[in-house]
Protein backbone atom coordinates (compact mmCIF):
# COMPACT_ATOMS: atom_id res chain seq x y z
CA MET A 1 15.13 34.66 19.05
CA PRO A 2 13.83 36.89 21.93
CA SER A 3 16.08 39.75 20.73
CA LEU A 4 14.54 39.44 17.26
CA PHE A 5 11.06 39.76 18.72
CA ARG A 6 12.15 42.84 20.69
CA GLN A 7 13.55 44.41 17.52
CA LEU A 8 10.29 43.77 15.67
CA SER A 9 8.35 45.26 18.58
CA PHE A 10 10.47 48.40 18.51
CA LYS A 11 10.05 48.72 14.73
CA THR A 12 6.29 48.35 15.08
CA ARG A 13 6.08 51.05 17.74
CA ASP A 14 8.23 53.36 15.57
CA LEU A 15 5.88 52.89 12.60
CA ILE A 16 2.81 53.59 14.76
CA SER A 17 4.41 56.75 16.13
CA GLN A 18 5.32 57.92 12.63
CA PHE A 19 1.76 57.24 11.44
CA ARG A 20 0.25 59.23 14.30
CA ALA A 21 2.57 62.15 13.52
CA LEU A 22 1.15 62.46 9.98
CA PRO A 23 -1.57 64.99 9.11
CA GLY A 24 -5.12 63.62 9.47
CA GLU A 25 -5.84 63.69 5.72
CA ARG A 26 -2.70 61.65 5.02
CA GLN A 27 -3.70 59.09 7.69
CA TRP A 28 -7.11 58.59 6.02
CA ARG A 29 -5.49 58.03 2.61
CA ILE A 30 -3.15 55.38 3.99
CA ALA A 31 -5.93 53.64 5.94
CA GLY A 32 -8.14 53.58 2.86
CA GLY A 33 -5.36 52.10 0.78
CA LEU A 34 -4.70 49.37 3.33
CA ALA A 35 -8.40 48.51 3.48
CA GLY A 36 -8.56 48.27 -0.30
CA ALA A 37 -5.50 46.05 -0.34
CA SER A 38 -7.08 43.78 2.26
CA VAL A 39 -10.25 43.38 0.19
CA LEU A 40 -8.18 42.67 -2.91
CA ALA A 41 -6.12 40.06 -1.03
CA VAL A 42 -9.27 38.27 0.11
CA CYS A 43 -10.65 38.25 -3.45
CA VAL A 44 -7.39 36.89 -4.87
CA ALA A 45 -7.20 34.19 -2.20
CA THR A 46 -10.78 33.14 -2.91
CA TRP A 47 -10.06 32.99 -6.65
CA LEU A 48 -6.98 30.86 -6.03
CA VAL A 49 -8.91 28.46 -3.81
CA PHE A 50 -11.71 27.81 -6.27
CA PHE A 51 -10.19 28.39 -9.70
CA SER A 52 -6.53 27.46 -9.48
CA SER A 53 -5.28 24.15 -10.90
CA ASP A 54 -6.01 22.57 -7.53
CA GLY A 55 -9.24 24.47 -7.08
CA ALA A 56 -11.56 21.57 -7.78
CA ALA A 57 -9.97 19.49 -5.06
CA ARG A 58 -10.00 22.38 -2.57
CA GLY A 59 -13.62 23.05 -3.45
CA ASN A 60 -14.36 19.43 -2.67
CA GLU A 61 -12.57 19.84 0.65
CA LEU A 62 -14.77 22.78 1.59
CA LYS A 63 -17.89 20.86 0.56
CA GLY A 64 -16.94 17.99 2.84
CA ASP A 65 -16.13 15.37 0.20
CA VAL A 66 -13.66 12.79 1.48
CA VAL A 67 -10.49 12.35 -0.59
CA LEU A 68 -9.16 8.81 -1.10
CA TYR A 69 -5.68 8.10 -2.45
CA THR A 70 -5.52 4.49 -3.60
CA SER A 71 -3.44 2.06 -5.63
CA VAL A 72 -6.40 -0.31 -6.03
CA ASP A 73 -7.65 -0.87 -9.58
CA GLN A 74 -10.64 1.19 -10.70
CA PRO A 75 -12.92 -1.80 -11.51
CA LEU A 76 -12.62 -2.93 -7.88
CA LEU A 77 -13.08 0.57 -6.50
CA ALA A 78 -16.27 1.57 -8.27
CA PRO A 79 -18.81 -0.77 -6.60
CA ILE A 80 -17.24 -0.40 -3.15
CA ILE A 81 -17.09 3.39 -3.20
CA GLY A 82 -20.55 3.51 -4.76
CA ALA A 83 -21.93 1.48 -1.86
CA PHE A 84 -20.26 3.77 0.69
CA GLU A 85 -21.64 6.90 -0.95
CA LYS A 86 -25.14 5.43 -1.07
CA ASP A 87 -25.04 4.35 2.59
CA THR A 88 -23.58 7.55 4.04
CA GLY A 89 -24.34 10.34 1.60
CA VAL A 90 -20.63 11.27 1.74
CA LYS A 91 -19.06 11.78 -1.68
CA VAL A 92 -15.61 10.35 -2.35
CA LYS A 93 -13.01 11.94 -4.61
CA MET A 94 -10.68 9.15 -5.72
CA ILE A 95 -7.08 9.80 -6.72
CA THR A 96 -5.62 6.65 -8.26
CA ASP A 97 -2.26 5.65 -9.67
CA THR A 98 -3.34 6.65 -13.16
CA GLU A 99 -4.01 10.19 -11.98
CA ALA A 100 -0.73 10.58 -10.14
CA THR A 101 2.39 11.65 -11.99
CA LYS A 102 4.40 8.71 -13.24
CA THR A 103 7.66 10.07 -11.82
CA THR A 104 6.50 10.44 -8.23
CA GLY A 105 3.50 8.19 -7.62
CA LEU A 106 1.01 8.31 -4.80
CA ILE A 107 3.51 7.58 -2.02
CA GLU A 108 5.73 10.48 -3.06
CA ARG A 109 2.67 12.68 -3.47
CA LEU A 110 1.56 12.00 0.09
CA ILE A 111 5.07 12.70 1.36
CA ALA A 112 5.20 15.98 -0.57
CA GLU A 113 1.82 17.03 0.85
CA ARG A 114 2.53 16.08 4.45
CA SER A 115 2.65 19.69 5.71
CA SER A 116 -0.73 20.45 4.12
CA PRO A 117 -2.52 17.13 3.48
CA ARG A 118 -4.98 16.86 0.63
CA ALA A 119 -5.85 13.19 1.17
CA ASP A 120 -8.05 11.88 3.95
CA VAL A 121 -7.67 8.11 3.53
CA TRP A 122 -4.98 5.85 2.05
CA TRP A 123 -5.93 2.41 0.67
CA SER A 124 -3.29 0.17 -0.87
CA ASN A 125 -3.27 -3.42 -2.10
CA GLU A 126 0.06 -4.06 -0.35
CA MET A 127 1.81 -3.08 2.86
CA LEU A 128 5.36 -1.96 2.03
CA GLY A 129 4.26 1.43 0.72
CA THR A 130 1.89 1.85 3.65
CA GLN A 131 4.67 1.10 6.11
CA SER A 132 6.84 3.65 4.30
CA LEU A 133 4.16 6.29 4.96
CA ASP A 134 3.91 5.17 8.58
CA ASP A 135 7.68 5.44 9.03
CA ARG A 136 7.45 9.09 7.92
CA GLY A 137 4.65 9.94 10.33
CA ILE A 138 2.08 10.51 7.59
CA LEU A 139 -0.61 8.21 9.00
CA GLU A 140 -2.75 8.95 12.05
CA THR A 141 -3.32 6.63 15.00
CA TYR A 142 -6.77 5.18 14.45
CA ALA A 143 -9.03 2.54 16.01
CA SER A 144 -11.63 1.00 13.71
CA LYS A 145 -15.12 -0.07 14.75
CA SER A 146 -14.41 -3.33 12.89
CA GLU A 147 -12.11 -4.41 15.72
CA ALA A 148 -15.30 -5.60 17.42
CA ASP A 149 -15.35 -8.46 14.87
CA PHE A 150 -12.21 -9.91 16.48
CA PRO A 151 -12.70 -10.87 20.15
CA HIS A 152 -8.99 -11.64 20.54
CA GLY A 153 -7.84 -8.59 18.64
CA TRP A 154 -6.99 -7.85 15.03
CA PRO A 155 -4.41 -10.34 13.66
CA GLU A 156 -1.06 -9.08 14.92
CA LEU A 157 0.82 -9.17 11.61
CA LEU A 158 -2.02 -7.26 9.94
CA ARG A 159 -1.95 -4.27 12.28
CA ALA A 160 0.69 -1.55 12.54
CA SER A 161 2.60 -1.74 15.79
CA ASP A 162 1.82 1.95 16.39
CA LYS A 163 -1.88 1.48 15.47
CA THR A 164 -1.78 3.63 12.34
CA TRP A 165 -3.02 1.15 9.71
CA TYR A 166 -4.93 -2.11 9.32
CA GLY A 167 -4.43 -5.06 6.96
CA PHE A 168 -7.36 -7.03 5.53
CA ALA A 169 -8.52 -8.95 2.42
CA LEU A 170 -5.47 -11.15 1.84
CA ARG A 171 -3.42 -12.43 -1.01
CA ALA A 172 -0.32 -14.54 -0.47
CA ARG A 173 2.82 -15.56 -2.31
CA VAL A 174 2.35 -19.02 -3.79
CA ILE A 175 4.25 -21.64 -5.76
CA ALA A 176 2.16 -22.18 -8.89
CA TYR A 177 2.66 -24.98 -11.40
CA ASN A 178 1.44 -26.21 -14.78
CA THR A 179 -0.80 -29.22 -14.12
CA ASN A 180 -0.05 -30.70 -17.56
CA ARG A 181 3.67 -30.80 -16.85
CA VAL A 182 3.94 -31.26 -13.08
CA ALA A 183 2.07 -33.89 -11.09
CA LYS A 184 0.37 -32.69 -7.92
CA SER A 185 2.49 -35.06 -5.84
CA GLU A 186 5.68 -33.58 -7.32
CA ALA A 187 4.73 -29.92 -7.12
CA PRO A 188 7.11 -27.99 -4.83
CA LYS A 189 5.77 -26.96 -1.43
CA ALA A 190 8.82 -24.98 -0.29
CA ILE A 191 10.92 -22.46 -2.18
CA ARG A 192 14.15 -24.37 -1.44
CA GLU A 193 12.78 -27.09 -3.75
CA LEU A 194 13.12 -24.76 -6.76
CA THR A 195 16.93 -24.82 -6.96
CA PRO A 196 17.70 -28.46 -7.97
CA SER A 197 18.77 -29.00 -11.58
CA ARG A 198 15.49 -30.73 -12.53
CA TRP A 199 13.89 -27.25 -12.56
CA ALA A 200 16.74 -25.52 -14.42
CA GLY A 201 15.24 -22.90 -16.76
CA LYS A 202 11.72 -23.96 -15.78
CA VAL A 203 11.02 -21.54 -12.90
CA GLY A 204 9.79 -17.99 -13.38
CA MET A 205 9.01 -14.93 -11.26
CA ALA A 206 8.28 -11.23 -11.74
CA ARG A 207 11.25 -8.89 -11.90
CA PRO A 208 12.23 -8.15 -8.30
CA GLN A 209 12.91 -4.43 -8.72
CA PHE A 210 9.30 -3.70 -7.82
CA GLY A 211 6.04 -5.19 -6.61
CA THR A 212 5.51 -8.28 -4.52
CA SER A 213 8.67 -10.01 -5.80
CA ARG A 214 10.63 -7.22 -4.12
CA ALA A 215 8.62 -7.72 -0.91
CA PHE A 216 9.26 -11.47 -1.17
CA ILE A 217 13.03 -10.96 -1.28
CA ALA A 218 12.82 -8.50 1.61
CA SER A 219 10.99 -11.19 3.58
CA LEU A 220 13.83 -13.65 2.96
CA VAL A 221 16.32 -11.12 4.33
CA ALA A 222 14.10 -10.38 7.34
CA LEU A 223 13.49 -14.05 8.15
CA HIS A 224 16.85 -15.65 7.38
CA GLY A 225 19.43 -12.87 7.24
CA ALA A 226 21.17 -11.27 4.27
CA ASP A 227 23.76 -14.03 3.74
CA ALA A 228 21.26 -16.91 3.68
CA ALA A 229 18.90 -14.93 1.46
CA ARG A 230 21.71 -14.09 -0.97
CA ASP A 231 22.88 -17.72 -1.11
CA TYR A 232 19.36 -18.92 -1.91
CA LEU A 233 18.77 -16.28 -4.57
CA GLN A 234 22.20 -16.96 -6.08
CA ALA A 235 21.22 -20.64 -6.40
CA LEU A 236 17.93 -19.62 -8.00
CA SER A 237 19.77 -17.36 -10.45
CA ASP A 238 22.32 -20.09 -11.21
CA ASN A 239 19.37 -22.38 -11.98
CA GLN A 240 18.36 -19.98 -14.77
CA VAL A 241 15.24 -18.52 -13.20
CA ARG A 242 13.24 -16.60 -15.81
CA LEU A 243 12.12 -13.04 -15.09
CA TYR A 244 8.85 -11.54 -16.32
CA ASP A 245 7.29 -8.09 -16.29
CA GLY A 246 4.70 -8.97 -13.67
CA ASN A 247 2.91 -11.71 -11.78
CA SER A 248 0.18 -12.04 -14.41
CA ALA A 249 2.89 -12.57 -17.05
CA VAL A 250 4.31 -15.38 -14.91
CA VAL A 251 0.89 -17.06 -14.86
CA ARG A 252 0.51 -16.70 -18.64
CA ALA A 253 3.94 -18.28 -19.14
CA LEU A 254 2.84 -21.15 -16.91
CA SER A 255 -0.34 -21.65 -18.91
CA THR A 256 1.54 -22.02 -22.20
CA GLY A 257 4.19 -24.36 -20.81
CA GLU A 258 6.97 -21.82 -21.22
CA ILE A 259 7.80 -22.55 -17.58
CA ASP A 260 6.71 -25.33 -15.24
CA ILE A 261 6.84 -23.47 -11.91
CA GLY A 262 6.06 -19.86 -11.06
CA LEU A 263 6.54 -17.73 -7.95
CA THR A 264 3.50 -15.46 -8.04
CA ASP A 265 0.56 -14.13 -6.02
CA SER A 266 -2.55 -16.12 -5.18
CA ASP A 267 -4.94 -13.72 -6.93
CA ASP A 268 -3.04 -13.99 -10.22
CA ALA A 269 -2.97 -17.78 -9.96
CA LEU A 270 -6.70 -17.87 -9.18
CA GLU A 271 -7.40 -15.66 -12.17
CA GLY A 272 -5.59 -18.17 -14.39
CA ILE A 273 -7.55 -21.03 -12.86
CA GLY A 274 -10.72 -19.04 -13.53
CA GLN A 275 -9.70 -18.93 -17.20
CA ASN A 276 -9.53 -22.75 -17.18
CA TRP A 277 -5.79 -22.63 -17.69
CA PRO A 278 -3.82 -25.73 -16.56
CA ILE A 279 -2.64 -24.10 -13.35
CA GLN A 280 -2.72 -24.95 -9.67
CA PHE A 281 -0.67 -23.76 -6.73
CA ASN A 282 0.66 -24.57 -3.27
CA PHE A 283 1.08 -22.29 -0.30
CA GLU A 284 4.54 -22.69 1.15
CA GLN A 285 4.27 -25.10 4.06
CA VAL A 286 5.96 -24.54 7.40
CA ASP A 287 8.59 -27.14 8.22
CA PRO A 288 7.62 -29.47 11.08
CA PRO A 289 9.54 -28.91 14.32
CA LYS A 290 12.97 -30.57 14.47
CA LYS A 291 12.78 -31.65 10.82
CA GLN A 292 16.23 -32.06 9.30
CA ILE A 293 16.36 -29.94 6.15
CA LYS A 294 18.96 -28.96 3.60
CA GLY A 295 18.62 -25.43 2.34
CA LEU A 296 16.46 -22.50 3.34
CA PRO A 297 13.95 -23.26 6.13
CA SER A 298 10.29 -22.84 5.23
CA GLU A 299 8.41 -20.33 7.42
CA GLY A 300 5.08 -20.28 5.55
CA PRO A 301 3.74 -17.96 2.84
CA LEU A 302 4.28 -14.21 2.77
CA LEU A 303 0.91 -12.58 3.40
CA LEU A 304 -0.07 -9.67 1.15
CA PRO A 305 -2.93 -7.72 2.72
CA ASN A 306 -4.80 -4.69 1.52
CA THR A 307 -4.01 -1.84 3.91
CA VAL A 308 -5.99 1.20 5.05
CA GLY A 309 -4.91 4.22 7.06
CA VAL A 310 -6.15 7.71 7.91
CA VAL A 311 -3.85 10.57 6.86
CA ARG A 312 -2.50 12.63 9.76
CA GLY A 313 -3.97 16.14 9.76
CA CYS A 314 -6.43 15.28 6.99
CA PRO A 315 -9.08 17.88 6.00
CA HIS A 316 -12.07 15.70 6.94
CA PRO A 317 -11.22 13.45 9.92
CA ASN A 318 -14.81 12.43 10.66
CA GLU A 319 -15.58 11.43 7.07
CA ALA A 320 -12.16 9.79 6.83
CA ARG A 321 -12.92 7.49 9.74
CA LYS A 322 -16.32 6.64 8.27
CA LEU A 323 -14.69 5.60 5.00
CA ALA A 324 -11.88 3.67 6.72
CA ASP A 325 -14.41 1.82 8.90
CA PHE A 326 -16.42 0.92 5.81
CA LEU A 327 -13.36 -0.38 3.93
CA LEU A 328 -12.43 -2.58 6.90
CA SER A 329 -15.92 -4.06 7.22
CA ALA A 330 -16.96 -7.65 6.51
CA ARG A 331 -19.13 -6.32 3.69
CA VAL A 332 -16.13 -4.97 1.77
CA GLU A 333 -14.11 -8.12 2.44
CA GLU A 334 -16.94 -10.10 0.86
CA MET A 335 -17.07 -7.73 -2.12
CA LEU A 336 -13.33 -8.15 -2.68
CA ALA A 337 -13.52 -11.93 -2.21
CA THR A 338 -16.21 -12.27 -4.88
CA SER A 339 -14.51 -9.84 -7.27
CA GLU A 340 -11.76 -10.60 -9.74
CA ALA A 341 -9.27 -9.77 -6.95
CA ARG A 342 -10.34 -12.93 -5.06
CA ASN A 343 -8.88 -11.59 -1.82
CA VAL A 344 -9.34 -14.01 1.06
CA PRO A 345 -11.17 -12.51 4.08
CA ILE A 346 -9.28 -12.38 7.36
CA ARG A 347 -12.58 -13.26 9.05
CA PRO A 348 -12.45 -17.09 9.10
CA ALA A 349 -16.24 -17.52 9.23
CA LEU A 350 -16.66 -15.32 6.15
CA ALA A 351 -13.99 -17.21 4.20
CA LYS A 352 -15.73 -20.48 5.11
CA LYS A 353 -19.14 -19.11 4.09
CA LEU A 354 -17.73 -18.14 0.69
CA GLY A 355 -16.09 -21.55 0.23
CA MET A 356 -12.63 -20.02 -0.21
CA GLN A 357 -9.43 -21.96 0.32
CA PRO A 358 -8.07 -20.59 3.59
CA ILE A 359 -4.58 -19.15 3.61
CA PRO A 360 -2.45 -20.97 6.18
CA GLU A 361 -0.65 -19.10 8.91
CA GLY A 362 1.71 -16.70 7.26
CA ALA A 363 5.44 -16.24 7.64
CA PRO A 364 6.20 -14.43 10.93
CA VAL A 365 7.33 -11.18 9.34
CA SER A 366 5.75 -7.76 9.85
CA ALA A 367 5.58 -4.80 7.49
CA ARG A 368 8.13 -3.01 9.66
CA ASP A 369 10.46 -6.04 9.39
CA LEU A 370 10.13 -5.86 5.60
CA SER A 371 10.78 -2.13 5.59
CA LYS A 372 13.97 -2.54 7.62
CA ALA A 373 15.17 -5.37 5.36
CA LEU A 374 14.45 -3.52 2.13
CA PRO A 375 17.78 -1.67 1.68
CA GLU A 376 19.74 -4.94 1.93
CA ALA A 377 17.19 -6.69 -0.30
CA ASP A 378 17.63 -3.99 -2.94
CA ARG A 379 21.41 -4.45 -2.85
CA ILE A 380 21.00 -8.19 -3.42
CA ILE A 381 18.54 -7.57 -6.25
CA GLU A 382 20.97 -5.15 -7.92
CA GLN A 383 23.79 -7.69 -7.64
CA LEU A 384 21.94 -10.81 -8.79
CA PHE A 385 19.15 -9.50 -11.01
CA PRO A 386 20.44 -6.27 -12.58
CA VAL A 387 18.26 -4.46 -15.08
CA LYS A 388 19.74 -5.00 -18.54
């Protein structure tokens, strides 16, 4: 490399010497041409910044608008972002799933833009994608002002180990059931109870190739190992588990009696209850110490937090932190809790104030644990639940 620099230095000196050897009139013509080219280059660059296909976003960057990439549904976003803009005067440009290309998605978009970030803040309604960004170094280390709300620290499983993202506003995996077909006393409270023949063909879940069903299977691998997870899922498959296109479809199937039991998310189950459908649910209960069990041990429900992080090298770091702090506030947790999302606040006093059923202590599995288990989980999914 040093020899290359020396060669360039020699070439530069040669060009300068040749220029100085030219007649004065010729020097002026060349200098004038270079000046004109410089002006033209500046004009072209300015045109590209403001009028290219990405010009609107770059214009927003120069104006100081903060750019939010989010997988959260638009009806939930609007009131929250509106409140932030009113409080701070900072405008937010939202890029949602519907605006991202279907083939790449927001995660891939952030990865593609890592050398020249366009986003300032990332907000997701799950943690696997967020951990994927963290693993690639796309999120910045960040300490939120909202940590002051937790004297003993932010809940450990809801905070990245390298301090790059926070989890808040919870959902959880639940075992839902049709109250017209299953008595409360007989409703399963552990997933190992779904494999006996009495539930053959009567249990449903969302297809595990994506979404929270995929995270659920990754949690089984992380908690119990690949062999135990595969054995359990094989038993579930042998018991004719029914697969649906999403968690809301599982809840609809429950409501009509197409299935008796459904593995789904708490917000989808609560939405069905809000529709007066004959649905109720149990959180998976942790096995008491030293209890003799047959089958997969119960470690508690998989927690599904919203997650927020600041993008490393983002265009507007100050505004990004303002927005991230706002999203992690008690005010936003209350807005999400009282919305159709029905996310449970991680602040116990707030959950109590809102009269929400508290989520019990979750399964001891972190987002990084899930991320590490995902390749093996995907292999099991491909073997036992292939796409037909």
